[in-house]
N, C-alpha and C. Protein backbone atom coordinates (compact mmCIF):
# COMPACT_ATOMS: atom_id res chain seq x y z
N MET A 1 0.92 2.59 -20.89
CA MET A 1 -0.63 3.07 -20.40
C MET A 1 -1.48 3.16 -21.56
N ALA A 2 -2.67 3.09 -20.83
CA ALA A 2 -3.88 3.28 -21.65
C ALA A 2 -4.83 4.29 -20.84
N VAL A 3 -5.60 4.97 -21.92
CA VAL A 3 -6.16 5.70 -21.04
C VAL A 3 -7.99 5.62 -21.45
N MET A 4 -9.28 4.95 -20.89
CA MET A 4 -10.17 5.16 -20.71
C MET A 4 -10.97 5.73 -20.13
N THR A 5 -12.08 6.23 -20.80
CA THR A 5 -12.72 7.63 -20.33
C THR A 5 -14.62 6.56 -20.28
N ILE A 6 -15.30 6.35 -19.07
CA ILE A 6 -16.36 5.73 -19.25
C ILE A 6 -17.46 6.35 -17.93
N HIS A 7 -18.29 6.23 -18.20
CA HIS A 7 -19.87 7.23 -17.33
C HIS A 7 -20.30 6.15 -16.42
N VAL A 8 -20.44 6.83 -14.98
CA VAL A 8 -21.33 5.43 -14.25
C VAL A 8 -21.90 6.16 -13.77
N LYS A 9 -23.24 5.48 -14.45
CA LYS A 9 -24.56 6.01 -13.13
C LYS A 9 -24.55 6.52 -12.02
N GLU A 10 -24.49 6.15 -11.16
CA GLU A 10 -24.44 6.14 -9.62
C GLU A 10 -22.50 7.35 -9.12
N ALA A 11 -22.05 7.42 -9.95
CA ALA A 11 -20.89 8.47 -9.14
C ALA A 11 -21.41 10.13 -9.47
N THR A 12 -22.53 10.29 -8.78
CA THR A 12 -22.91 11.18 -8.38
C THR A 12 -22.98 11.81 -6.84
N SER A 13 -22.70 10.89 -5.82
CA SER A 13 -21.97 11.47 -4.35
C SER A 13 -20.91 10.69 -4.10
N ALA A 14 -20.12 12.02 -3.11
CA ALA A 14 -18.70 11.39 -2.46
C ALA A 14 -18.86 10.32 -2.37
N THR A 15 -19.72 9.88 -1.44
CA THR A 15 -19.67 8.07 -0.73
C THR A 15 -19.39 7.01 -2.19
N SER A 16 -20.60 7.28 -3.44
CA SER A 16 -20.44 6.14 -4.99
C SER A 16 -19.54 6.44 -5.13
N ILE A 17 -19.12 7.89 -5.50
CA ILE A 17 -16.97 8.05 -5.82
C ILE A 17 -15.93 7.53 -4.96
N GLN A 18 -15.86 8.06 -3.93
CA GLN A 18 -15.16 6.61 -3.41
C GLN A 18 -14.71 5.75 -3.27
N GLU A 19 -16.03 5.15 -3.56
CA GLU A 19 -16.45 3.73 -3.71
C GLU A 19 -15.74 3.10 -4.59
N ILE A 20 -16.03 4.14 -5.80
CA ILE A 20 -16.22 3.74 -7.28
C ILE A 20 -13.95 3.88 -7.66
N GLU A 21 -13.44 4.95 -6.81
CA GLU A 21 -12.36 4.83 -6.98
C GLU A 21 -11.26 3.80 -6.56
N GLY A 22 -12.11 3.63 -5.09
CA GLY A 22 -11.60 2.91 -4.20
C GLY A 22 -11.24 1.04 -4.83
N LEU A 23 -12.50 0.77 -5.91
CA LEU A 23 -12.29 -0.48 -6.41
C LEU A 23 -11.32 0.37 -7.11
N LEU A 24 -11.47 0.46 -8.13
CA LEU A 24 -10.56 0.23 -9.04
C LEU A 24 -9.30 0.53 -8.56
N LEU A 25 -8.73 1.87 -7.84
CA LEU A 25 -7.30 1.70 -7.10
C LEU A 25 -6.65 -0.17 -6.56
N LYS A 26 -7.53 -0.32 -6.19
CA LYS A 26 -7.19 -1.77 -6.01
C LYS A 26 -6.68 -3.05 -6.85
N MET A 27 -7.25 -2.23 -7.91
CA MET A 27 -6.96 -3.66 -9.21
C MET A 27 -5.25 -3.22 -9.67
N ASP A 28 -4.61 -4.00 -9.28
CA ASP A 28 -3.12 -4.05 -9.64
C ASP A 28 -2.60 -3.12 -10.86
N GLU A 29 -3.60 -3.65 -11.82
CA GLU A 29 -2.94 -2.49 -13.77
C GLU A 29 -3.40 -1.46 -13.78
N ILE A 30 -5.34 -1.06 -12.85
CA ILE A 30 -4.98 0.46 -12.99
C ILE A 30 -3.85 1.49 -12.20
N GLU A 31 -2.99 2.43 -12.37
CA GLU A 31 -2.50 3.68 -11.91
C GLU A 31 -2.86 4.87 -11.41
N ARG A 32 -4.35 4.77 -12.15
CA ARG A 32 -5.10 6.29 -12.04
C ARG A 32 -6.31 6.15 -12.28
N ALA A 33 -7.41 6.80 -10.96
CA ALA A 33 -8.66 7.04 -11.57
C ALA A 33 -9.81 7.79 -10.85
N LEU A 34 -9.39 9.12 -12.11
CA LEU A 34 -10.05 9.92 -11.08
C LEU A 34 -11.33 10.22 -11.87
N VAL A 35 -12.64 10.81 -10.94
CA VAL A 35 -14.02 11.09 -10.64
C VAL A 35 -14.66 12.81 -11.45
N ASP A 36 -15.08 12.53 -12.44
CA ASP A 36 -15.03 14.01 -12.76
C ASP A 36 -16.85 13.74 -12.48
N VAL A 37 -17.19 14.58 -10.42
CA VAL A 37 -17.87 14.87 -10.57
C VAL A 37 -19.84 14.88 -11.51
N GLU A 38 -19.33 16.30 -11.78
CA GLU A 38 -20.74 16.55 -12.10
C GLU A 38 -21.28 16.35 -13.72
N GLU A 39 -20.24 15.56 -14.43
CA GLU A 39 -20.78 14.06 -15.26
C GLU A 39 -20.35 12.95 -15.04
N GLY A 40 -20.03 12.64 -13.72
CA GLY A 40 -20.98 11.33 -13.36
C GLY A 40 -18.97 10.27 -14.95
N GLY A 41 -17.85 10.91 -15.08
CA GLY A 41 -17.10 10.34 -15.43
C GLY A 41 -15.79 9.84 -15.17
N ILE A 42 -15.39 8.63 -15.42
CA ILE A 42 -14.53 8.30 -14.97
C ILE A 42 -12.75 8.35 -15.59
N LYS A 43 -11.86 8.93 -15.20
CA LYS A 43 -11.08 8.69 -16.54
C LYS A 43 -10.13 7.87 -15.70
N ILE A 44 -9.80 6.72 -16.54
CA ILE A 44 -9.04 5.81 -15.93
C ILE A 44 -7.40 5.06 -17.11
N THR A 45 -6.59 4.80 -15.66
CA THR A 45 -5.06 5.09 -16.88
C THR A 45 -4.51 3.47 -16.18
N TYR A 46 -5.08 2.46 -17.56
CA TYR A 46 -4.55 1.45 -16.78
C TYR A 46 -2.99 0.94 -17.66
N ASP A 47 -2.77 -0.49 -17.57
CA ASP A 47 -1.28 -0.92 -18.28
C ASP A 47 -2.77 -1.87 -18.88
N GLU A 48 -2.28 -1.77 -20.34
CA GLU A 48 -3.01 -2.77 -21.68
C GLU A 48 -2.88 -4.01 -21.45
N ASN A 49 -1.17 -3.81 -21.08
CA ASN A 49 -0.84 -5.43 -21.31
C ASN A 49 -1.17 -6.51 -20.36
N GLN A 50 -1.87 -5.86 -19.36
CA GLN A 50 -2.29 -6.22 -18.17
C GLN A 50 -3.94 -6.90 -18.73
N VAL A 51 -4.99 -5.99 -18.77
CA VAL A 51 -6.21 -5.86 -18.26
C VAL A 51 -6.64 -4.58 -19.70
N ASP A 52 -7.54 -5.12 -20.13
CA ASP A 52 -8.71 -4.44 -21.32
C ASP A 52 -9.61 -4.01 -20.21
N GLU A 53 -9.78 -3.30 -21.93
CA GLU A 53 -11.53 -2.16 -21.27
C GLU A 53 -12.73 -3.05 -20.68
N ASP A 54 -12.85 -4.23 -21.56
CA ASP A 54 -14.00 -5.03 -21.03
C ASP A 54 -14.25 -5.26 -19.45
N GLN A 55 -12.70 -6.02 -19.33
CA GLN A 55 -12.70 -6.65 -17.99
C GLN A 55 -12.63 -5.43 -16.85
N ILE A 56 -12.23 -4.04 -16.85
CA ILE A 56 -12.61 -3.15 -16.23
C ILE A 56 -13.93 -3.13 -15.68
N ILE A 57 -14.34 -2.22 -16.96
CA ILE A 57 -15.49 -2.46 -16.87
C ILE A 57 -16.75 -3.74 -16.20
N LYS A 58 -16.36 -5.07 -16.79
CA LYS A 58 -16.93 -5.61 -15.74
C LYS A 58 -16.53 -5.88 -14.29
N ARG A 59 -15.47 -5.37 -13.95
CA ARG A 59 -15.70 -5.72 -12.93
C ARG A 59 -16.36 -4.27 -11.69
N ILE A 60 -16.68 -3.08 -13.06
CA ILE A 60 -17.01 -2.38 -12.08
C ILE A 60 -19.25 -2.63 -12.02
N GLN A 61 -19.22 -3.05 -13.05
CA GLN A 61 -20.72 -3.65 -12.76
C GLN A 61 -20.61 -4.78 -11.99
N LEU A 62 -19.58 -5.82 -11.63
CA LEU A 62 -19.87 -6.93 -10.92
C LEU A 62 -20.18 -6.36 -9.37
N GLU A 63 -19.71 -5.06 -8.80
CA GLU A 63 -19.94 -4.15 -7.98
C GLU A 63 -20.81 -3.30 -7.79
N GLY A 64 -22.14 -4.01 -8.65
CA GLY A 64 -23.60 -3.00 -9.04
C GLY A 64 -23.20 -1.98 -9.09
N PHE A 65 -22.90 -1.83 -10.24
CA PHE A 65 -22.86 0.08 -10.20
C PHE A 65 -22.85 -0.04 -12.60
N HIS A 66 -23.60 0.80 -12.74
CA HIS A 66 -24.10 1.02 -14.01
C HIS A 66 -23.55 1.54 -14.83
N ILE A 67 -22.58 1.52 -16.21
CA ILE A 67 -22.45 2.01 -17.05
C ILE A 67 -22.65 2.24 -18.34
N GLU A 68 -22.95 4.23 -18.28
CA GLU A 68 -23.65 4.82 -19.11
C GLU A 68 -23.72 4.80 -20.78
């Protein structure tokens, strides 16, 4: 498993955080997604043999979120 941290502009309210976490956890390749509300950072644990960081970022962006 690999770990990455990204910052999502919209990760500041409970609703958007739940949306982002739900989106990520629907992906079979992602084991865990933890959001730091104060910083807007998301720590993602994923299977690097099945998905890479670019694919995860593109999926988040396709849902209308903005990576900082």
